[in-house]
Structure formats: C-alpha cells, structure tokens
C-alpha cells in the first residue's frame, strides 16, 4: 500500500469516527455515557491539525480535521443541551421506523 492510500484511509476513518456516537446520542436521546472531556481533548487536537494544515496549505488535512472538529462540537453541544432539544433533533432527523424502535427499547 502506498503512502497516499494510507493517508486517504486514515482521513476517512478519523473523519467518520464521531458519526456513530452522534447517531447513538440522537437515537437514544441521551448523552449519559459520553465523556465531554474526551471530546474537548479531541476537538483541541483536530483544531490544531486544521491550523497546521492551514500553515502547510494542505487541504486534505484541513478538510478532514475541520469535519471531525464539527462533529466533536455537535457532540459537546448535545451533551449540554436539554433532553427536549435532543428529542426535537431525534424527531426531525431519524426516520419514523428508528424512532419507534428506540421507544420500544426504552420501554423494556
């Protein structure tokens, strides 16, 4: 595997890393098991990578870390949001089938 392919794969995986956590928060309507400290540390690191990418004029580093920063910010904001706000996001974003499955799981 060449260095370019390794870089692309690394960018894809690190960029996608926060998506499952964001989905679970919205689906479950809870941030109970989220470590805000972890996401503040991750956000600090990715913002530094964005700055580094700007200094080096390296667009792949800028874009992937900017996206990861945005998803980290969303998770942090959701953590400090009320359950009412998360419920509204849940209802607006998730398909009705997933909403029903989530309700059934909570009732068990």
PDB file of N, CA and C in Angstrom:
ATOM      1  N   UNK A   1       0.852  -1.173   0.000  1.00  0.00           N
ATOM      2  CA  UNK A   1       0.000   0.000   0.000  1.00  0.00           C
ATOM      3  C   UNK A   1       0.901   1.241   0.000  1.00  0.00           C
ATOM      4  N   UNK A   2       0.599   2.172  -0.882  1.00  0.00           N
ATOM      5  CA  UNK A   2       1.438   3.371  -0.965  1.00  0.00           C
ATOM      6  C   UNK A   2       1.029   4.403   0.087  1.00  0.00           C
ATOM      7  N   UNK A   3       1.866   5.398   0.270  1.00  0.00           N
ATOM      8  CA  UNK A   3       1.676   6.400   1.319  1.00  0.00           C
ATOM      9  C   UNK A   3       0.413   7.231   1.090  1.00  0.00           C
ATOM     10  N   UNK A   4       0.076   7.502  -0.162  1.00  0.00           N
ATOM     11  CA  UNK A   4      -1.121   8.282  -0.470  1.00  0.00           C
ATOM     12  C   UNK A   4      -2.379   7.528  -0.026  1.00  0.00           C
ATOM     13  N   UNK A   5      -2.441   6.251  -0.321  1.00  0.00           N
ATOM     14  CA  UNK A   5      -3.588   5.416   0.063  1.00  0.00           C
ATOM     15  C   UNK A   5      -3.721   5.341   1.578  1.00  0.00           C
ATOM     16  N   UNK A   6      -2.596   5.211   2.259  1.00  0.00           N
ATOM     17  CA  UNK A   6      -2.619   5.176   3.728  1.00  0.00           C
ATOM     18  C   UNK A   6      -3.185   6.489   4.270  1.00  0.00           C
ATOM     19  N   UNK A   7      -2.761   7.601   3.698  1.00  0.00           N
ATOM     20  CA  UNK A   7      -3.261   8.911   4.118  1.00  0.00           C
ATOM     21  C   UNK A   7      -4.751   9.059   3.884  1.00  0.00           C
ATOM     22  N   UNK A   8      -5.232   8.605   2.743  1.00  0.00           N
ATOM     23  CA  UNK A   8      -6.663   8.683   2.429  1.00  0.00           C
ATOM     24  C   UNK A   8      -7.464   7.820   3.405  1.00  0.00           C
ATOM     25  N   UNK A   9      -7.006   6.593   3.660  1.00  0.00           N
ATOM     26  CA  UNK A   9      -7.700   5.706   4.600  1.00  0.00           C
ATOM     27  C   UNK A   9      -7.716   6.297   6.014  1.00  0.00           C
ATOM     28  N   UNK A  10      -6.594   6.847   6.438  1.00  0.00           N
ATOM     29  CA  UNK A  10      -6.527   7.474   7.762  1.00  0.00           C
ATOM     30  C   UNK A  10      -7.516   8.635   7.848  1.00  0.00           C
ATOM     31  N   UNK A  11      -7.576   9.437   6.815  1.00  0.00           N
ATOM     32  CA  UNK A  11      -8.500  10.575   6.795  1.00  0.00           C
ATOM     33  C   UNK A  11      -9.952  10.104   6.848  1.00  0.00           C
ATOM     34  N   UNK A  12     -10.277   9.069   6.097  1.00  0.00           N
ATOM     35  CA  UNK A  12     -11.651   8.551   6.085  1.00  0.00           C
ATOM     36  C   UNK A  12     -12.042   8.044   7.465  1.00  0.00           C
ATOM     37  N   UNK A  13     -11.184   7.227   8.080  1.00  0.00           N
ATOM     38  CA  UNK A  13     -11.528   6.646   9.372  1.00  0.00           C
ATOM     39  C   UNK A  13     -11.600   7.682  10.491  1.00  0.00           C
ATOM     40  N   UNK A  14     -10.670   8.626  10.531  1.00  0.00           N
ATOM     41  CA  UNK A  14     -10.731   9.629  11.593  1.00  0.00           C
ATOM     42  C   UNK A  14     -11.899  10.586  11.389  1.00  0.00           C
ATOM     43  N   UNK A  15     -12.245  10.849  10.152  1.00  0.00           N
ATOM     44  CA  UNK A  15     -13.373  11.724   9.871  1.00  0.00           C
ATOM     45  C   UNK A  15     -14.686  11.059  10.257  1.00  0.00           C
ATOM     46  N   UNK A  16     -14.796   9.766  10.048  1.00  0.00           N
ATOM     47  CA  UNK A  16     -16.027   9.036  10.345  1.00  0.00           C
ATOM     48  C   UNK A  16     -16.159   8.663  11.823  1.00  0.00           C
ATOM     49  N   UNK A  17     -15.116   8.803  12.599  1.00  0.00           N
ATOM     50  CA  UNK A  17     -15.094   8.291  13.972  1.00  0.00           C
ATOM     51  C   UNK A  17     -16.204   8.832  14.873  1.00  0.00           C
ATOM     52  N   UNK A  18     -16.578  10.073  14.733  1.00  0.00           N
ATOM     53  CA  UNK A  18     -17.596  10.664  15.607  1.00  0.00           C
ATOM     54  C   UNK A  18     -19.025  10.411  15.150  1.00  0.00           C
ATOM     55  N   UNK A  19     -19.201   9.973  13.937  1.00  0.00           N
ATOM     56  CA  UNK A  19     -20.552   9.791  13.402  1.00  0.00           C
ATOM     57  C   UNK A  19     -21.352   8.751  14.199  1.00  0.00           C
ATOM     58  N   UNK A  20     -20.801   7.582  14.528  1.00  0.00           N
ATOM     59  CA  UNK A  20     -21.592   6.626  15.315  1.00  0.00           C
ATOM     60  C   UNK A  20     -22.021   7.176  16.680  1.00  0.00           C
ATOM     61  N   UNK A  21     -21.148   7.900  17.362  1.00  0.00           N
ATOM     62  CA  UNK A  21     -21.501   8.454  18.666  1.00  0.00           C
ATOM     63  C   UNK A  21     -22.611   9.491  18.529  1.00  0.00           C
ATOM     64  N   UNK A  22     -22.526  10.330  17.521  1.00  0.00           N
ATOM     65  CA  UNK A  22     -23.563  11.330  17.286  1.00  0.00           C
ATOM     66  C   UNK A  22     -24.904  10.653  17.015  1.00  0.00           C
ATOM     67  N   UNK A  23     -24.878   9.611  16.193  1.00  0.00           N
ATOM     68  CA  UNK A  23     -26.093   8.862  15.880  1.00  0.00           C
ATOM     69  C   UNK A  23     -26.708   8.238  17.137  1.00  0.00           C
ATOM     70  N   UNK A  24     -25.881   7.619  17.975  1.00  0.00           N
ATOM     71  CA  UNK A  24     -26.377   6.981  19.199  1.00  0.00           C
ATOM     72  C   UNK A  24     -27.000   8.020  20.138  1.00  0.00           C
ATOM     73  N   UNK A  25     -26.361   9.161  20.275  1.00  0.00           N
ATOM     74  CA  UNK A  25     -26.913  10.224  21.132  1.00  0.00           C
ATOM     75  C   UNK A  25     -28.299  10.624  20.644  1.00  0.00           C
ATOM     76  N   UNK A  26     -28.436  10.832  19.348  1.00  0.00           N
ATOM     77  CA  UNK A  26     -29.721  11.262  18.801  1.00  0.00           C
ATOM     78  C   UNK A  26     -30.744  10.130  18.876  1.00  0.00           C
ATOM     79  N   UNK A  27     -30.332   8.913  18.556  1.00  0.00           N
ATOM     80  CA  UNK A  27     -31.263   7.781  18.597  1.00  0.00           C
ATOM     81  C   UNK A  27     -31.756   7.512  20.012  1.00  0.00           C
ATOM     82  N   UNK A  28     -30.826   7.492  20.970  1.00  0.00           N
ATOM     83  CA  UNK A  28     -31.168   7.177  22.360  1.00  0.00           C
ATOM     84  C   UNK A  28     -31.654   8.396  23.145  1.00  0.00           C
ATOM     85  N   UNK A  29     -31.473   9.580  22.566  1.00  0.00           N
ATOM     86  CA  UNK A  29     -31.859  10.844  23.199  1.00  0.00           C
ATOM     87  C   UNK A  29     -31.181  11.013  24.558  1.00  0.00           C
ATOM     88  N   UNK A  30     -29.917  10.614  24.614  1.00  0.00           N
ATOM     89  CA  UNK A  30     -29.190  10.685  25.880  1.00  0.00           C
ATOM     90  C   UNK A  30     -27.691  10.847  25.624  1.00  0.00           C
ATOM     91  N   UNK A  31     -27.063  11.650  26.471  1.00  0.00           N
ATOM     92  CA  UNK A  31     -25.607  11.789  26.431  1.00  0.00           C
ATOM     93  C   UNK A  31     -24.989  11.237  27.709  1.00  0.00           C
ATOM     94  N   UNK A  32     -25.742  10.385  28.373  1.00  0.00           N
ATOM     95  CA  UNK A  32     -25.350   9.872  29.683  1.00  0.00           C
ATOM     96  C   UNK A  32     -23.957   9.235  29.703  1.00  0.00           C
ATOM     97  N   UNK A  33     -23.596   8.532  28.653  1.00  0.00           N
ATOM     98  CA  UNK A  33     -22.332   7.800  28.658  1.00  0.00           C
ATOM     99  C   UNK A  33     -21.246   8.471  27.819  1.00  0.00           C
ATOM    100  N   UNK A  34     -21.392   9.758  27.581  1.00  0.00           N
ATOM    101  CA  UNK A  34     -20.417  10.483  26.764  1.00  0.00           C
ATOM    102  C   UNK A  34     -19.442  11.217  27.673  1.00  0.00           C
ATOM    103  N   UNK A  35     -18.161  11.063  27.385  1.00  0.00           N
ATOM    104  CA  UNK A  35     -17.139  11.791  28.133  1.00  0.00           C
ATOM    105  C   UNK A  35     -16.869  13.118  27.423  1.00  0.00           C
ATOM    106  N   UNK A  36     -17.350  14.200  28.009  1.00  0.00           N
ATOM    107  CA  UNK A  36     -17.151  15.524  27.419  1.00  0.00           C
ATOM    108  C   UNK A  36     -15.669  15.873  27.393  1.00  0.00           C
ATOM    109  N   UNK A  37     -14.946  15.454  28.415  1.00  0.00           N
ATOM    110  CA  UNK A  37     -13.503  15.718  28.465  1.00  0.00           C
ATOM    111  C   UNK A  37     -12.808  15.123  27.241  1.00  0.00           C
ATOM    112  N   UNK A  38     -13.175  13.899  26.898  1.00  0.00           N
ATOM    113  CA  UNK A  38     -12.588  13.255  25.719  1.00  0.00           C
ATOM    114  C   UNK A  38     -12.840  14.080  24.472  1.00  0.00           C
ATOM    115  N   UNK A  39     -14.066  14.568  24.311  1.00  0.00           N
ATOM    116  CA  UNK A  39     -14.388  15.344  23.103  1.00  0.00           C
ATOM    117  C   UNK A  39     -13.753  16.723  23.100  1.00  0.00           C
ATOM    118  N   UNK A  40     -13.540  17.334  24.263  1.00  0.00           N
ATOM    119  CA  UNK A  40     -12.792  18.599  24.308  1.00  0.00           C
ATOM    120  C   UNK A  40     -11.333  18.376  23.913  1.00  0.00           C
ATOM    121  N   UNK A  41     -10.754  17.283  24.372  1.00  0.00           N
ATOM    122  CA  UNK A  41      -9.367  16.963  24.002  1.00  0.00           C
ATOM    123  C   UNK A  41      -9.279  16.688  22.507  1.00  0.00           C
ATOM    124  N   UNK A  42     -10.210  15.879  21.989  1.00  0.00           N
ATOM    125  CA  UNK A  42     -10.236  15.587  20.553  1.00  0.00           C
ATOM    126  C   UNK A  42     -10.429  16.858  19.746  1.00  0.00           C
ATOM    127  N   UNK A  43     -11.336  17.717  20.184  1.00  0.00           N
ATOM    128  CA  UNK A  43     -11.578  18.980  19.481  1.00  0.00           C
ATOM    129  C   UNK A  43     -10.324  19.846  19.458  1.00  0.00           C
ATOM    130  N   UNK A  44      -9.636  19.930  20.574  1.00  0.00           N
ATOM    131  CA  UNK A  44      -8.398  20.711  20.630  1.00  0.00           C
ATOM    132  C   UNK A  44      -7.386  20.163  19.622  1.00  0.00           C
ATOM    133  N   UNK A  45      -7.231  18.851  19.601  1.00  0.00           N
ATOM    134  CA  UNK A  45      -6.284  18.229  18.668  1.00  0.00           C
ATOM    135  C   UNK A  45      -6.655  18.475  17.220  1.00  0.00           C
ATOM    136  N   UNK A  46      -7.937  18.297  16.884  1.00  0.00           N
ATOM    137  CA  UNK A  46      -8.329  18.477  15.481  1.00  0.00           C
ATOM    138  C   UNK A  46      -8.254  19.939  15.051  1.00  0.00           C
ATOM    139  N   UNK A  47      -8.546  20.866  15.973  1.00  0.00           N
ATOM    140  CA  UNK A  47      -8.389  22.282  15.620  1.00  0.00           C
ATOM    141  C   UNK A  47      -6.922  22.639  15.394  1.00  0.00           C
ATOM    142  N   UNK A  48      -6.048  22.039  16.184  1.00  0.00           N
ATOM    143  CA  UNK A  48      -4.610  22.246  15.949  1.00  0.00           C
ATOM    144  C   UNK A  48      -4.186  21.663  14.599  1.00  0.00           C
ATOM    145  N   UNK A  49      -4.757  20.507  14.226  1.00  0.00           N
ATOM    146  CA  UNK A  49      -4.460  19.932  12.911  1.00  0.00           C
ATOM    147  C   UNK A  49      -4.967  20.846  11.797  1.00  0.00           C
ATOM    148  N   UNK A  50      -6.130  21.466  12.001  1.00  0.00           N
ATOM    149  CA  UNK A  50      -6.642  22.407  10.999  1.00  0.00           C
ATOM    150  C   UNK A  50      -5.664  23.567  10.845  1.00  0.00           C
ATOM    151  N   UNK A  51      -5.219  24.106  11.963  1.00  0.00           N
ATOM    152  CA  UNK A  51      -4.259  25.215  11.925  1.00  0.00           C
ATOM    153  C   UNK A  51      -2.966  24.788  11.233  1.00  0.00           C
ATOM    154  N   UNK A  52      -2.483  23.599  11.571  1.00  0.00           N
ATOM    155  CA  UNK A  52      -1.282  23.051  10.933  1.00  0.00           C
ATOM    156  C   UNK A  52      -1.500  22.926   9.419  1.00  0.00           C
ATOM    157  N   UNK A  53      -2.668  22.406   9.033  1.00  0.00           N
ATOM    158  CA  UNK A  53      -2.976  22.271   7.607  1.00  0.00           C
ATOM    159  C   UNK A  53      -3.011  23.611   6.897  1.00  0.00           C
ATOM    160  N   UNK A  54      -3.525  24.631   7.585  1.00  0.00           N
ATOM    161  CA  UNK A  54      -3.553  25.976   7.005  1.00  0.00           C
ATOM    162  C   UNK A  54      -2.127  26.486   6.809  1.00  0.00           C
ATOM    163  N   UNK A  55      -1.296  26.286   7.825  1.00  0.00           N
ATOM    164  CA  UNK A  55       0.099  26.739   7.716  1.00  0.00           C
ATOM    165  C   UNK A  55       0.837  26.030   6.580  1.00  0.00           C
ATOM    166  N   UNK A  56       0.516  24.759   6.366  1.00  0.00           N
ATOM    167  CA  UNK A  56       1.173  23.963   5.316  1.00  0.00           C
ATOM    168  C   UNK A  56       0.420  24.025   3.989  1.00  0.00           C
ATOM    169  N   UNK A  57      -0.754  24.703   3.995  1.00  0.00           N
ATOM    170  CA  UNK A  57      -1.620  24.757   2.815  1.00  0.00           C
ATOM    171  C   UNK A  57      -1.948  23.342   2.323  1.00  0.00           C
ATOM    172  N   UNK A  58      -2.312  22.475   3.260  1.00  0.00           N
ATOM    173  CA  UNK A  58      -2.610  21.075   2.975  1.00  0.00           C
ATOM    174  C   UNK A  58      -4.111  20.843   3.138  1.00  0.00           C
ATOM    175  N   UNK A  59      -4.847  20.904   2.028  1.00  0.00           N
ATOM    176  CA  UNK A  59      -6.305  20.846   2.073  1.00  0.00           C
ATOM    177  C   UNK A  59      -6.865  19.539   2.623  1.00  0.00           C
ATOM    178  N   UNK A  60      -6.292  18.385   2.327  1.00  0.00           N
ATOM    179  CA  UNK A  60      -6.835  17.166   2.939  1.00  0.00           C
ATOM    180  C   UNK A  60      -6.790  17.201   4.472  1.00  0.00           C
ATOM    181  N   UNK A  61      -5.704  17.720   5.035  1.00  0.00           N
ATOM    182  CA  UNK A  61      -5.609  17.830   6.492  1.00  0.00           C
ATOM    183  C   UNK A  61      -6.628  18.846   7.009  1.00  0.00           C
ATOM    184  N   UNK A  62      -6.760  19.951   6.324  1.00  0.00           N
ATOM    185  CA  UNK A  62      -7.706  20.990   6.747  1.00  0.00           C
ATOM    186  C   UNK A  62      -9.139  20.453   6.725  1.00  0.00           C
ATOM    187  N   UNK A  63      -9.547  19.865   5.617  1.00  0.00           N
ATOM    188  CA  UNK A  63     -10.940  19.449   5.458  1.00  0.00           C
ATOM    189  C   UNK A  63     -11.325  18.304   6.384  1.00  0.00           C
ATOM    190  N   UNK A  64     -10.481  17.288   6.472  1.00  0.00           N
ATOM    191  CA  UNK A  64     -10.844  16.143   7.316  1.00  0.00           C
ATOM    192  C   UNK A  64     -10.900  16.534   8.788  1.00  0.00           C
ATOM    193  N   UNK A  65      -9.960  17.332   9.222  1.00  0.00           N
ATOM    194  CA  UNK A  65      -9.959  17.731  10.629  1.00  0.00           C
ATOM    195  C   UNK A  65     -11.023  18.778  10.933  1.00  0.00           C
ATOM    196  N   UNK A  66     -11.365  19.588   9.962  1.00  0.00           N
ATOM    197  CA  UNK A  66     -12.468  20.538  10.151  1.00  0.00           C
ATOM    198  C   UNK A  66     -13.777  19.768  10.331  1.00  0.00           C
ATOM    199  N   UNK A  67     -13.996  18.739   9.516  1.00  0.00           N
ATOM    200  CA  UNK A  67     -15.214  17.928   9.649  1.00  0.00           C
ATOM    201  C   UNK A  67     -15.239  17.224  11.005  1.00  0.00           C
ATOM    202  N   UNK A  68     -14.111  16.655  11.417  1.00  0.00           N
ATOM    203  CA  UNK A  68     -14.043  15.992  12.711  1.00  0.00           C
ATOM    204  C   UNK A  68     -14.275  16.995  13.839  1.00  0.00           C
ATOM    205  N   UNK A  69     -13.757  18.201  13.702  1.00  0.00           N
ATOM    206  CA  UNK A  69     -13.996  19.253  14.700  1.00  0.00           C
ATOM    207  C   UNK A  69     -15.480  19.582  14.796  1.00  0.00           C
ATOM    208  N   UNK A  70     -16.139  19.666  13.660  1.00  0.00           N
ATOM    209  CA  UNK A  70     -17.569  19.981  13.643  1.00  0.00           C
ATOM    210  C   UNK A  70     -18.367  18.889  14.347  1.00  0.00           C
ATOM    211  N   UNK A  71     -18.060  17.627  14.062  1.00  0.00           N
ATOM    212  CA  UNK A  71     -18.806  16.556  14.728  1.00  0.00           C
ATOM    213  C   UNK A  71     -18.503  16.522  16.229  1.00  0.00           C
ATOM    214  N   UNK A  72     -17.281  16.851  16.617  1.00  0.00           N
ATOM    215  CA  UNK A  72     -16.962  16.931  18.051  1.00  0.00           C
ATOM    216  C   UNK A  72     -17.745  18.059  18.721  1.00  0.00           C
ATOM    217  N   UNK A  73     -17.853  19.190  18.039  1.00  0.00           N
ATOM    218  CA  UNK A  73     -18.620  20.317  18.565  1.00  0.00           C
ATOM    219  C   UNK A  73     -20.092  19.928  18.719  1.00  0.00           C
ATOM    220  N   UNK A  74     -20.626  19.214  17.743  1.00  0.00           N
ATOM    221  CA  UNK A  74     -22.021  18.774  17.827  1.00  0.00           C
ATOM    222  C   UNK A  74     -22.221  17.884  19.051  1.00  0.00           C
ATOM    223  N   UNK A  75     -21.308  16.943  19.273  1.00  0.00           N
ATOM    224  CA  UNK A  75     -21.422  16.051  20.425  1.00  0.00           C
ATOM    225  C   UNK A  75     -21.331  16.842  21.728  1.00  0.00           C
ATOM    226  N   UNK A  76     -20.419  17.792  21.799  1.00  0.00           N
ATOM    227  CA  UNK A  76     -20.291  18.619  23.005  1.00  0.00           C
ATOM    228  C   UNK A  76     -21.560  19.439  23.223  1.00  0.00           C
ATOM    229  N   UNK A  77     -22.079  20.049  22.168  1.00  0.00           N
ATOM    230  CA  UNK A  77     -23.309  20.842  22.294  1.00  0.00           C
ATOM    231  C   UNK A  77     -24.490  19.969  22.704  1.00  0.00           C
ATOM    232  N   UNK A  78     -24.589  18.775  22.132  1.00  0.00           N
ATOM    233  CA  UNK A  78     -25.664  17.868  22.522  1.00  0.00           C
ATOM    234  C   UNK A  78     -25.558  17.495  23.995  1.00  0.00           C
ATOM    235  N   UNK A  79     -24.328  17.354  24.472  1.00  0.00           N
ATOM    236  CA  UNK A  79     -24.130  16.998  25.870  1.00  0.00           C
ATOM    237  C   UNK A  79     -24.671  18.077  26.807  1.00  0.00           C
ATOM    238  N   UNK A  80     -24.559  19.331  26.389  1.00  0.00           N
ATOM    239  CA  UNK A  80     -25.028  20.434  27.223  1.00  0.00           C
ATOM    240  C   UNK A  80     -26.459  20.872  26.876  1.00  0.00           C
ATOM    241  N   UNK A  81     -27.081  20.178  25.929  1.00  0.00           N
ATOM    242  CA  UNK A  81     -28.451  20.504  25.538  1.00  0.00           C
ATOM    243  C   UNK A  81     -29.444  19.794  26.454  1.00  0.00           C
ATOM    244  N   UNK A  82     -30.626  20.339  26.500  1.00  0.00           N
ATOM    245  CA  UNK A  82     -31.673  19.696  27.289  1.00  0.00           C
ATOM    246  C   UNK A  82     -32.197  18.473  26.544  1.00  0.00           C
ATOM    247  N   UNK A  83     -32.845  17.601  27.292  1.00  0.00           N
ATOM    248  CA  UNK A  83     -33.454  16.419  26.672  1.00  0.00           C
ATOM    249  C   UNK A  83     -34.506  16.832  25.642  1.00  0.00           C
ATOM    250  N   UNK A  84     -35.157  17.954  25.882  1.00  0.00           N
ATOM    251  CA  UNK A  84     -36.180  18.457  24.959  1.00  0.00           C
ATOM    252  C   UNK A  84     -35.560  18.777  23.594  1.00  0.00           C
ATOM    253  N   UNK A  85     -34.402  19.419  23.604  1.00  0.00           N
ATOM    254  CA  UNK A  85     -33.717  19.769  22.353  1.00  0.00           C
ATOM    255  C   UNK A  85     -33.290  18.494  21.629  1.00  0.00           C
ATOM    256  N   UNK A  86     -32.715  17.547  22.363  1.00  0.00           N
ATOM    257  CA  UNK A  86     -32.279  16.296  21.749  1.00  0.00           C
ATOM    258  C   UNK A  86     -33.492  15.542  21.191  1.00  0.00           C
ATOM    259  N   UNK A  87     -34.610  15.558  21.900  1.00  0.00           N
ATOM    260  CA  UNK A  87     -35.837  14.897  21.432  1.00  0.00           C
ATOM    261  C   UNK A  87     -36.306  15.519  20.116  1.00  0.00           C
ATOM    262  N   UNK A  88     -36.238  16.848  20.014  1.00  0.00           N
ATOM    263  CA  UNK A  88     -36.642  17.521  18.772  1.00  0.00           C
ATOM    264  C   UNK A  88     -35.735  17.113  17.607  1.00  0.00           C
ATOM    265  N   UNK A  89     -34.437  17.037  17.870  1.00  0.00           N
ATOM    266  CA  UNK A  89     -33.488  16.608  16.834  1.00  0.00           C
ATOM    267  C   UNK A  89     -33.793  15.168  16.442  1.00  0.00           C
ATOM    268  N   UNK A  90     -34.035  14.331  17.434  1.00  0.00           N
ATOM    269  CA  UNK A  90     -34.376  12.926  17.207  1.00  0.00           C
ATOM    270  C   UNK A  90     -35.576  12.824  16.267  1.00  0.00           C
ATOM    271  N   UNK A  91     -36.609  13.591  16.546  1.00  0.00           N
ATOM    272  CA  UNK A  91     -37.833  13.534  15.745  1.00  0.00           C
ATOM    273  C   UNK A  91     -37.632  14.125  14.346  1.00  0.00           C
ATOM    274  N   UNK A  92     -36.784  15.119  14.232  1.00  0.00           N
ATOM    275  CA  UNK A  92     -36.571  15.782  12.947  1.00  0.00           C
ATOM    276  C   UNK A  92     -35.655  14.997  12.017  1.00  0.00           C
ATOM    277  N   UNK A  93     -34.686  14.284  12.593  1.00  0.00           N
ATOM    278  CA  UNK A  93     -33.654  13.653  11.769  1.00  0.00           C
ATOM    279  C   UNK A  93     -33.911  12.177  11.477  1.00  0.00           C
ATOM    280  N   UNK A  94     -34.293  11.442  12.497  1.00  0.00           N
ATOM    281  CA  UNK A  94     -34.382   9.996  12.338  1.00  0.00           C
ATOM    282  C   UNK A  94     -35.678   9.567  11.651  1.00  0.00           C
ATOM    283  N   UNK A  95     -35.584   8.550  10.807  1.00  0.00           N
ATOM    284  CA  UNK A  95     -36.800   8.012  10.189  1.00  0.00           C
ATOM    285  C   UNK A  95     -37.743   7.469  11.268  1.00  0.00           C
ATOM    286  N   UNK A  96     -39.017   7.475  10.965  1.00  0.00           N
ATOM    287  CA  UNK A  96     -40.035   7.063  11.933  1.00  0.00           C
ATOM    288  C   UNK A  96     -39.795   5.641  12.447  1.00  0.00           C
ATOM    289  N   UNK A  97     -39.326   4.760  11.597  1.00  0.00           N
ATOM    290  CA  UNK A  97     -39.076   3.366  11.994  1.00  0.00           C
ATOM    291  C   UNK A  97     -38.048   3.299  13.126  1.00  0.00           C
ATOM    292  N   UNK A  98     -36.981   4.060  13.014  1.00  0.00           N
ATOM    293  CA  UNK A  98     -35.941   4.062  14.047  1.00  0.00           C
ATOM    294  C   UNK A  98     -36.481   4.707  15.327  1.00  0.00           C
ATOM    295  N   UNK A  99     -37.306   5.739  15.189  1.00  0.00           N
ATOM    296  CA  UNK A  99     -37.908   6.370  16.366  1.00  0.00           C
ATOM    297  C   UNK A  99     -38.751   5.363  17.139  1.00  0.00           C
ATOM    298  N   UNK A 100     -39.533   4.557  16.421  1.00  0.00           N
ATOM    299  CA  UNK A 100     -40.380   3.554  17.063  1.00  0.00           C
ATOM    300  C   UNK A 100     -39.532   2.478  17.757  1.00  0.00           C
ATOM    301  N   UNK A 101     -38.467   2.041  17.089  1.00  0.00           N
ATOM    302  CA  UNK A 101     -37.585   1.034  17.671  1.00  0.00           C
ATOM    303  C   UNK A 101     -36.929   1.568  18.935  1.00  0.00           C
ATOM    304  N   UNK A 102     -36.558   2.823  18.913  1.00  0.00           N
ATOM    305  CA  UNK A 102     -35.942   3.453  20.089  1.00  0.00           C
ATOM    306  C   UNK A 102     -36.912   3.496  21.252  1.00  0.00           C
ATOM    307  N   UNK A 103     -38.173   3.828  20.981  1.00  0.00           N
ATOM    308  CA  UNK A 103     -39.197   3.856  22.026  1.00  0.00           C
ATOM    309  C   UNK A 103     -39.406   2.472  22.625  1.00  0.00           C
ATOM    310  N   UNK A 104     -39.462   1.451  21.774  1.00  0.00           N
ATOM    311  CA  UNK A 104     -39.662   0.083  22.248  1.00  0.00           C
ATOM    312  C   UNK A 104     -38.507  -0.352  23.144  1.00  0.00           C
ATOM    313  N   UNK A 105     -37.286  -0.016  22.746  1.00  0.00           N
ATOM    314  CA  UNK A 105     -36.100  -0.395  23.528  1.00  0.00           C
ATOM    315  C   UNK A 105     -36.119   0.277  24.896  1.00  0.00           C
ATOM    316  N   UNK A 106     -36.585   1.512  24.963  1.00  0.00           N
ATOM    317  CA  UNK A 106     -36.630   2.229  26.250  1.00  0.00           C
ATOM    318  C   UNK A 106     -37.686   1.650  27.186  1.00  0.00           C
ATOM    319  N   UNK A 107     -38.762   1.100  26.609  1.00  0.00           N
ATOM    320  CA  UNK A 107     -39.841   0.557  27.421  1.00  0.00           C
ATOM    321  C   UNK A 107     -39.476  -0.781  28.061  1.00  0.00           C
ATOM    322  N   UNK A 108     -38.500  -1.476  27.493  1.00  0.00           N
ATOM    323  CA  UNK A 108     -38.099  -2.794  28.026  1.00  0.00           C
ATOM    324  C   UNK A 108     -37.308  -2.696  29.278  1.00  0.00           C
TER     325      UNK A 108
END
